[in-house]
Amino acid sequence: MPNLLRILVVVFTLFSIAAPQNAVAQFVPPPPKINAKGWLAIDFQSGFVMAESNAGKRMEPASLTKLMTAWVVFNELRAGNTKLQDEVLISKKAWRMPGSRMFVEVNKRVSVKKLLKGMIIQSGNDASVALAEHVAGSEDAFANLMNHHAQKLGMANTNFMNSTGMPGEKHITTPRDMVTLSIALIKEFPEYYKWYSEKQYTYNKITQYNRNKLLWRNKFVDGVKTGHTESAGFNLVTSALQNDMRIVTIVMGTKSEEARARESQKLLSYGYRFYETHKLYEAGTPIAETKVWKGDADKLPMGIKEDLYVTIGRGQYKKLNAEINIDTQITAPVQKSQQYGTLDISIENEQLTQVSLVALENIDKGSAWKRMYDSVMLMMQ
């Protein structure tokens, strides 16, 4: 029988967590009206989109650009190409930058760590340029690095011309691309992400406050970044963690600082009120077991490569259904991580997600006798 033929072997399996007690299914209304040019609310773990409008439309990022500036520097730190304690010589270009500033002084040396905090908390344009010049030699060269990383992250509709977010005709992004970047930053660099929750920073005896008003208004908010120019309007990427559920939102092109905070809070309130996220299966944990022919073992444990999360309407957990489809004929040798089936998660006959079922072990060819015996058994079947 051909290996592509599949058979349904399991129509329901118990998930790795218990169903919530006394959970009552709730009606999920349409998202609230958001006064912005574009917005998006997404679950951090599952990628489920709770609300969106113009999420793929190109817009000016303003200082949201500094999320990518930070990403590039964090990546350099991880690679060992620079260190937090490295001293950066401040150029005239960095010192002269207009707009929000950390107030570094020309020809003085400032550590990478201090510059990162000045850029993240104070949104310092001077700090951003200083970091760009330190990493790549010039801001233009650094912008090429930014675009390289953007493409690797799948930010297909983004192009950076500078490290600060100063307006430029070709300096452009989308709400979806900025959320993609924010989620990647939180996942990849938790040791540095914590700085986005700091409410103030003092440098050169000047104390400045984080412009993200939700850090004061919502105890679950721990980031991420504001942005503003006259042409872009007021932008805000927000991340909140409540009861182990993280939601990331973005609003772009709002009318004021107050508006971007208010509209972002609307999205967070909607997401937490009407949705819940569950971890169903862990990566590398056996979910199913199936027969292997002509191998040095008869059974193959199967699982998934990454933890599986789903986001559903509140109270709908008991309606979840899992179906496991496995190839009917698996013949050794079997290579670990090779796909041999699928795991389908649905709710009331509507598919939520499908992920690959993979081998969790290597299985080598069996002895000559075992291979001969199994060949006869297969012919009889």
Protein backbone atom coordinates (compact mmCIF):
# COMPACT_ATOMS: atom_id res chain seq x y z
CA MET A 1 0.00 0.00 0.00
CA PRO A 2 1.39 3.46 -0.81
CA ASN A 3 2.77 5.47 2.11
CA LEU A 4 0.64 8.49 1.19
CA LEU A 5 -2.56 6.65 2.11
CA ARG A 6 -3.68 7.76 5.56
CA ILE A 7 -6.16 6.30 8.01
CA LEU A 8 -7.93 8.02 10.87
CA VAL A 9 -6.67 6.26 13.99
CA VAL A 10 -7.85 8.58 16.76
CA VAL A 11 -10.88 10.86 16.74
CA PHE A 12 -10.48 12.31 20.22
CA THR A 13 -7.58 12.49 22.63
CA LEU A 14 -7.23 14.00 26.05
CA PHE A 15 -5.30 17.25 26.08
CA SER A 16 -2.40 17.90 28.40
CA ILE A 17 -4.39 20.16 30.71
CA ALA A 18 -7.65 19.72 32.52
CA ALA A 19 -10.77 21.43 31.27
CA PRO A 20 -11.63 24.63 33.18
CA GLN A 21 -14.14 24.09 35.94
CA ASN A 22 -17.60 25.62 35.60
CA ALA A 23 -16.72 27.08 32.20
CA VAL A 24 -19.75 28.36 30.31
CA ALA A 25 -19.53 28.99 26.57
CA GLN A 26 -19.90 32.68 25.81
CA PHE A 27 -20.99 34.61 22.74
CA VAL A 28 -18.07 36.38 21.09
CA PRO A 29 -19.21 39.73 19.67
CA PRO A 30 -17.43 41.56 16.84
CA PRO A 31 -14.36 43.58 17.90
CA PRO A 32 -14.85 47.17 19.10
CA LYS A 33 -14.48 50.11 16.75
CA ILE A 34 -10.90 51.37 16.87
CA ASN A 35 -10.04 54.93 15.91
CA ALA A 36 -6.79 54.33 14.06
CA LYS A 37 -5.56 53.89 10.49
CA GLY A 38 -4.63 50.28 11.17
CA TRP A 39 -4.64 47.85 14.07
CA LEU A 40 -4.18 44.24 15.07
CA ALA A 41 -4.68 42.13 18.20
CA ILE A 42 -3.11 38.67 18.27
CA ASP A 43 -2.44 35.89 20.75
CA PHE A 44 1.28 35.59 21.40
CA GLN A 45 1.41 31.77 21.60
CA SER A 46 -1.17 30.57 19.08
CA GLY A 47 -0.99 33.40 16.54
CA PHE A 48 -4.78 33.67 16.58
CA VAL A 49 -5.99 37.05 15.30
CA MET A 50 -8.70 38.51 17.54
CA ALA A 51 -9.18 41.79 15.70
CA GLU A 52 -7.62 43.56 12.73
CA SER A 53 -8.09 46.29 10.19
CA ASN A 54 -5.61 47.36 7.51
CA ALA A 55 -3.06 45.07 9.17
CA GLY A 56 -1.28 44.59 5.86
CA LYS A 57 -1.42 48.22 4.73
CA ARG A 58 1.88 50.10 4.49
CA MET A 59 2.27 52.93 6.99
CA GLU A 60 5.02 54.97 8.63
CA PRO A 61 6.44 53.28 11.73
CA ALA A 62 7.95 56.40 13.34
CA SER A 63 9.81 55.27 16.50
CA LEU A 64 8.43 51.74 16.26
CA THR A 65 11.49 51.48 14.02
CA LYS A 66 13.57 51.24 17.19
CA LEU A 67 12.18 47.76 17.79
CA MET A 68 14.23 46.59 14.82
CA THR A 69 17.20 48.68 15.89
CA ALA A 70 17.04 46.87 19.23
CA TRP A 71 16.60 43.49 17.52
CA VAL A 72 19.79 43.98 15.50
CA VAL A 73 21.78 45.03 18.57
CA PHE A 74 20.38 42.15 20.63
CA ASN A 75 21.39 39.79 17.85
CA GLU A 76 24.92 41.22 17.88
CA LEU A 77 25.06 40.71 21.64
CA ARG A 78 23.94 37.11 21.27
CA ALA A 79 26.53 36.48 18.58
CA GLY A 80 29.27 37.95 20.78
CA ASN A 81 30.10 40.69 18.29
CA THR A 82 29.47 43.36 20.91
CA LYS A 83 28.99 43.47 24.68
CA LEU A 84 26.77 45.47 27.00
CA GLN A 85 29.81 47.04 28.65
CA ASP A 86 31.39 48.17 25.36
CA GLU A 87 31.97 51.93 25.32
CA VAL A 88 30.57 53.76 22.28
CA LEU A 89 32.12 57.02 21.11
CA ILE A 90 29.32 59.53 20.43
CA SER A 91 29.56 61.13 16.99
CA LYS A 92 28.42 64.60 16.00
CA LYS A 93 25.65 63.02 13.93
CA ALA A 94 24.26 61.16 16.93
CA TRP A 95 24.60 64.20 19.20
CA ARG A 96 22.78 66.46 16.73
CA MET A 97 19.76 64.18 16.20
CA PRO A 98 16.44 66.06 16.55
CA GLY A 99 13.32 64.75 18.24
CA SER A 100 13.31 62.60 21.36
CA ARG A 101 16.77 62.33 22.86
CA MET A 102 18.74 60.66 25.61
CA PHE A 103 21.02 63.73 25.76
CA VAL A 104 24.36 62.05 25.13
CA GLU A 105 27.33 64.36 24.58
CA VAL A 106 29.57 64.47 21.52
CA ASN A 107 32.95 62.72 21.86
CA LYS A 108 31.93 61.16 25.16
CA ARG A 109 31.84 57.37 25.60
CA VAL A 110 28.62 55.66 26.67
CA SER A 111 28.10 51.94 27.25
CA VAL A 112 25.95 49.86 24.94
CA LYS A 113 23.71 49.00 27.89
CA LYS A 114 23.05 52.65 28.71
CA LEU A 115 22.38 53.47 25.06
CA LEU A 116 19.93 50.57 24.78
CA LYS A 117 18.03 51.79 27.81
CA GLY A 118 18.07 55.35 26.47
CA MET A 119 16.63 54.12 23.18
CA ILE A 120 14.07 51.70 24.68
CA ILE A 121 12.78 53.73 27.62
CA GLN A 122 13.43 57.31 26.46
CA SER A 123 13.11 56.61 22.71
CA GLY A 124 16.34 58.50 22.17
CA ASN A 125 17.16 59.18 18.53
CA ASP A 126 20.71 60.04 19.54
CA ALA A 127 21.10 56.67 21.28
CA SER A 128 19.71 54.86 18.23
CA VAL A 129 22.22 56.45 15.85
CA ALA A 130 25.10 55.85 18.25
CA LEU A 131 24.21 52.15 18.46
CA ALA A 132 23.83 51.91 14.68
CA GLU A 133 27.25 53.44 14.09
CA HIS A 134 28.82 51.22 16.73
CA VAL A 135 27.43 48.00 15.20
CA ALA A 136 27.77 48.74 11.48
CA GLY A 137 30.09 51.75 11.13
CA SER A 138 27.37 53.97 9.69
CA GLU A 139 23.62 54.34 9.94
CA ASP A 140 23.22 53.51 6.25
CA ALA A 141 25.06 50.22 6.67
CA PHE A 142 23.01 49.50 9.78
CA ALA A 143 19.77 50.05 7.83
CA ASN A 144 20.90 47.28 5.47
CA LEU A 145 21.27 45.00 8.49
CA MET A 146 17.79 45.98 9.65
CA ASN A 147 16.29 45.04 6.29
CA HIS A 148 18.22 41.77 6.23
CA HIS A 149 16.75 40.75 9.58
CA ALA A 150 13.30 41.98 8.58
CA GLN A 151 13.31 39.67 5.58
CA LYS A 152 14.45 36.72 7.71
CA LEU A 153 11.55 37.38 10.08
CA GLY A 154 9.06 37.42 7.22
CA MET A 155 8.39 41.17 7.32
CA ALA A 156 7.75 41.26 3.59
CA ASN A 157 6.15 44.72 3.49
CA THR A 158 8.76 46.57 5.54
CA ASN A 159 11.70 48.69 4.48
CA PHE A 160 13.97 50.69 6.80
CA MET A 161 16.03 53.70 5.78
CA ASN A 162 17.33 54.67 9.23
CA SER A 163 17.60 53.47 12.82
CA THR A 164 15.29 56.05 14.41
CA GLY A 165 12.05 56.22 12.44
CA MET A 166 12.60 59.68 11.05
CA PRO A 167 10.21 60.13 8.08
CA GLY A 168 11.29 58.93 4.66
CA GLU A 169 9.39 58.00 1.51
CA LYS A 170 10.76 54.46 1.56
CA HIS A 171 10.78 54.05 5.33
CA ILE A 172 7.65 51.95 5.69
CA THR A 173 6.05 48.97 7.47
CA THR A 174 2.66 47.43 8.27
CA PRO A 175 0.86 46.72 11.55
CA ARG A 176 1.25 42.98 10.93
CA ASP A 177 4.98 43.23 10.30
CA MET A 178 5.50 45.23 13.48
CA VAL A 179 3.59 42.66 15.53
CA THR A 180 5.65 39.89 13.92
CA LEU A 181 8.81 41.70 15.02
CA SER A 182 7.49 42.34 18.53
CA ILE A 183 6.55 38.70 19.09
CA ALA A 184 9.93 37.54 17.85
CA LEU A 185 11.72 40.03 20.11
CA ILE A 186 9.80 38.87 23.19
CA LYS A 187 10.48 35.20 22.39
CA GLU A 188 14.10 35.51 21.38
CA PHE A 189 15.40 38.06 23.88
CA PRO A 190 13.50 37.84 27.20
CA GLU A 191 16.59 39.00 29.09
CA TYR A 192 16.45 42.34 27.29
CA TYR A 193 12.70 42.58 26.77
CA LYS A 194 12.28 43.33 30.49
CA TRP A 195 13.63 46.85 29.82
CA TYR A 196 10.47 47.68 27.87
CA SER A 197 8.49 47.60 31.12
CA GLU A 198 10.66 50.18 32.89
CA LYS A 199 8.75 53.41 33.46
CA GLN A 200 11.68 55.83 33.68
CA TYR A 201 15.38 56.15 33.08
CA THR A 202 17.90 58.70 34.26
CA TYR A 203 20.98 59.58 32.25
CA ASN A 204 23.25 62.60 32.65
CA LYS A 205 21.10 63.64 35.64
CA ILE A 206 18.05 63.92 33.37
CA THR A 207 15.10 61.66 34.19
CA GLN A 208 12.67 60.86 31.40
CA TYR A 209 9.54 58.72 31.46
CA ASN A 210 8.42 55.92 29.21
CA ARG A 211 5.79 57.26 26.79
CA ASN A 212 3.69 54.08 27.01
CA LYS A 213 0.87 55.25 29.28
CA LEU A 214 -0.48 51.72 29.69
CA LEU A 215 2.50 50.81 31.86
CA TRP A 216 0.84 52.95 34.54
CA ARG A 217 -2.78 52.11 33.77
CA ASN A 218 -2.72 48.34 33.27
CA LYS A 219 -0.67 46.17 35.64
CA PHE A 220 -0.52 43.36 33.08
CA VAL A 221 1.16 45.49 30.38
CA ASP A 222 4.94 45.00 30.17
CA GLY A 223 5.78 46.69 26.84
CA VAL A 224 6.32 47.49 24.09
CA LYS A 225 6.98 50.72 22.14
CA THR A 226 5.49 54.05 21.14
CA GLY A 227 6.08 56.07 17.99
CA HIS A 228 5.09 59.48 16.67
CA THR A 229 5.80 61.86 13.84
CA GLU A 230 3.58 64.50 12.30
CA SER A 231 3.00 62.38 9.20
CA ALA A 232 2.70 58.99 10.91
CA GLY A 233 0.42 60.00 13.75
CA PHE A 234 0.63 58.25 17.12
CA ASN A 235 1.56 54.55 17.11
CA LEU A 236 1.77 51.99 19.90
CA VAL A 237 2.67 48.31 20.12
CA THR A 238 1.47 46.84 23.41
CA SER A 239 2.05 43.48 25.07
CA ALA A 240 0.25 42.24 28.17
CA LEU A 241 0.49 39.00 30.14
CA GLN A 242 -2.56 38.01 32.16
CA ASN A 243 -3.18 34.54 33.61
CA ASP A 244 -0.46 33.04 31.38
CA MET A 245 -2.11 34.46 28.26
CA ARG A 246 -0.12 37.09 26.36
CA ILE A 247 -1.82 39.38 23.86
CA VAL A 248 0.08 41.69 21.53
CA THR A 249 -1.70 44.66 19.96
CA ILE A 250 -0.79 47.52 17.67
CA VAL A 251 -2.54 50.73 16.71
CA MET A 252 -1.07 52.99 14.02
CA GLY A 253 -2.11 56.46 12.95
CA THR A 254 -4.13 57.52 15.98
CA LYS A 255 -4.70 61.21 16.79
CA SER A 256 -2.87 61.62 20.12
CA GLU A 257 -0.92 60.00 22.94
CA GLU A 258 -4.16 59.53 24.83
CA ALA A 259 -5.89 58.01 21.80
CA ARG A 260 -3.22 55.39 21.18
CA ALA A 261 -3.36 54.30 24.83
CA ARG A 262 -7.17 54.25 24.88
CA GLU A 263 -7.55 52.33 21.62
CA SER A 264 -4.88 49.82 22.63
CA GLN A 265 -6.68 49.20 25.92
CA LYS A 266 -9.90 48.56 24.00
CA LEU A 267 -8.18 45.76 22.08
CA LEU A 268 -6.67 44.24 25.23
CA SER A 269 -9.98 44.36 27.10
CA TYR A 270 -11.79 42.71 24.21
CA GLY A 271 -9.18 39.96 23.86
CA TYR A 272 -9.08 39.02 27.53
CA ARG A 273 -12.84 39.28 28.00
CA PHE A 274 -13.90 37.00 25.17
CA TYR A 275 -10.97 34.65 24.44
CA GLU A 276 -8.81 32.11 26.25
CA THR A 277 -5.65 30.31 25.16
CA HIS A 278 -4.76 26.73 26.05
CA LYS A 279 -1.61 24.69 25.67
CA LEU A 280 -2.78 21.36 24.27
CA TYR A 281 0.39 19.38 23.65
CA GLU A 282 4.08 19.73 24.44
CA ALA A 283 6.80 19.35 21.85
CA GLY A 284 8.62 16.03 21.99
CA THR A 285 5.97 14.33 24.13
CA PRO A 286 4.43 11.13 22.66
CA ILE A 287 0.89 11.75 21.42
CA ALA A 288 0.40 8.52 19.49
CA GLU A 289 2.15 5.24 18.75
CA THR A 290 2.05 3.34 15.48
CA LYS A 291 3.32 0.14 13.85
CA VAL A 292 6.69 0.11 12.04
CA TRP A 293 7.52 -2.59 9.51
CA LYS A 294 10.95 -4.17 8.87
CA GLY A 295 12.59 -2.29 11.75
CA ASP A 296 14.63 -3.14 14.83
CA ALA A 297 11.62 -1.89 16.83
CA ASP A 298 7.92 -2.50 16.19
CA LYS A 299 6.43 0.69 17.63
CA LEU A 300 7.11 4.32 16.76
CA PRO A 301 6.19 7.11 19.21
CA MET A 302 4.94 10.22 17.45
CA GLY A 303 4.57 13.83 18.55
CA ILE A 304 4.98 17.45 17.43
CA LYS A 305 8.00 19.70 16.95
CA GLU A 306 6.68 22.75 18.81
CA ASP A 307 4.29 23.27 21.71
CA LEU A 308 0.73 23.51 20.41
CA TYR A 309 -1.52 26.34 21.63
CA VAL A 310 -5.04 27.25 20.53
CA THR A 311 -7.10 30.36 21.23
CA ILE A 312 -10.86 29.89 21.48
CA GLY A 313 -13.93 31.72 22.74
CA ARG A 314 -14.29 31.60 26.50
CA GLY A 315 -16.00 28.48 27.80
CA GLN A 316 -15.56 26.48 24.58
CA TYR A 317 -12.74 24.19 25.73
CA LYS A 318 -14.95 21.09 26.06
CA LYS A 319 -15.99 21.46 22.41
CA LEU A 320 -12.43 20.95 21.17
CA ASN A 321 -11.80 17.82 19.12
CA ALA A 322 -8.47 16.25 18.15
CA GLU A 323 -7.99 13.91 15.19
CA ILE A 324 -4.77 12.04 14.56
CA ASN A 325 -4.09 10.81 11.03
CA ILE A 326 -1.11 8.49 10.56
CA ASP A 327 0.37 6.84 7.47
CA THR A 328 -0.94 3.29 7.20
CA GLN A 329 2.41 1.80 6.25
CA ILE A 330 5.65 3.01 7.83
CA THR A 331 8.75 1.06 6.88
CA ALA A 332 12.18 1.28 8.52
CA PRO A 333 14.53 3.03 8.48
CA VAL A 334 12.71 5.88 10.24
CA GLN A 335 14.42 9.19 10.84
CA LYS A 336 13.60 11.28 13.90
CA SER A 337 11.56 14.44 13.09
CA GLN A 338 10.30 13.02 9.78
CA GLN A 339 6.59 13.60 9.23
CA TYR A 340 4.30 10.56 9.21
CA GLY A 341 0.91 12.13 9.85
CA THR A 342 -1.06 15.13 11.02
CA LEU A 343 -2.79 16.33 14.16
CA ASP A 344 -5.99 18.27 13.44
CA ILE A 345 -7.69 20.44 16.07
CA SER A 346 -11.28 21.50 15.44
CA ILE A 347 -14.26 22.94 17.26
CA GLU A 348 -17.78 22.09 16.12
CA ASN A 349 -16.44 20.74 12.78
CA GLU A 350 -14.45 23.92 12.08
CA GLN A 351 -10.72 23.29 11.82
CA LEU A 352 -8.62 25.54 14.05
CA THR A 353 -5.20 24.25 13.15
CA GLN A 354 -3.30 21.35 11.63
CA VAL A 355 0.25 20.41 12.60
CA SER A 356 2.61 17.69 11.48
CA LEU A 357 3.01 14.48 13.48
CA VAL A 358 6.65 13.46 13.44
CA ALA A 359 8.74 10.53 14.57
CA LEU A 360 10.21 11.03 18.03
CA GLU A 361 12.86 8.32 17.60
CA ASN A 362 15.16 6.82 14.98
CA ILE A 363 14.38 3.25 14.01
CA ASP A 364 16.96 1.33 12.00
CA LYS A 365 16.36 -1.57 9.65
CA GLY A 366 15.69 -4.86 11.39
CA SER A 367 17.51 -8.15 10.84
CA ALA A 368 17.22 -10.01 7.53
CA TRP A 369 14.77 -12.42 9.17
CA LYS A 370 12.61 -9.55 10.51
CA ARG A 371 12.50 -7.84 7.12
CA MET A 372 11.58 -11.12 5.38
CA TYR A 373 8.85 -11.91 7.92
CA ASP A 374 7.31 -8.43 7.67
CA SER A 375 7.39 -8.60 3.86
CA VAL A 376 5.30 -11.75 3.98
CA MET A 377 2.87 -10.19 6.47
CA LEU A 378 2.47 -7.13 4.25
CA MET A 379 1.71 -9.29 1.21
CA MET A 380 -0.91 -11.18 3.21
CA GLN A 381 -2.54 -7.86 4.16
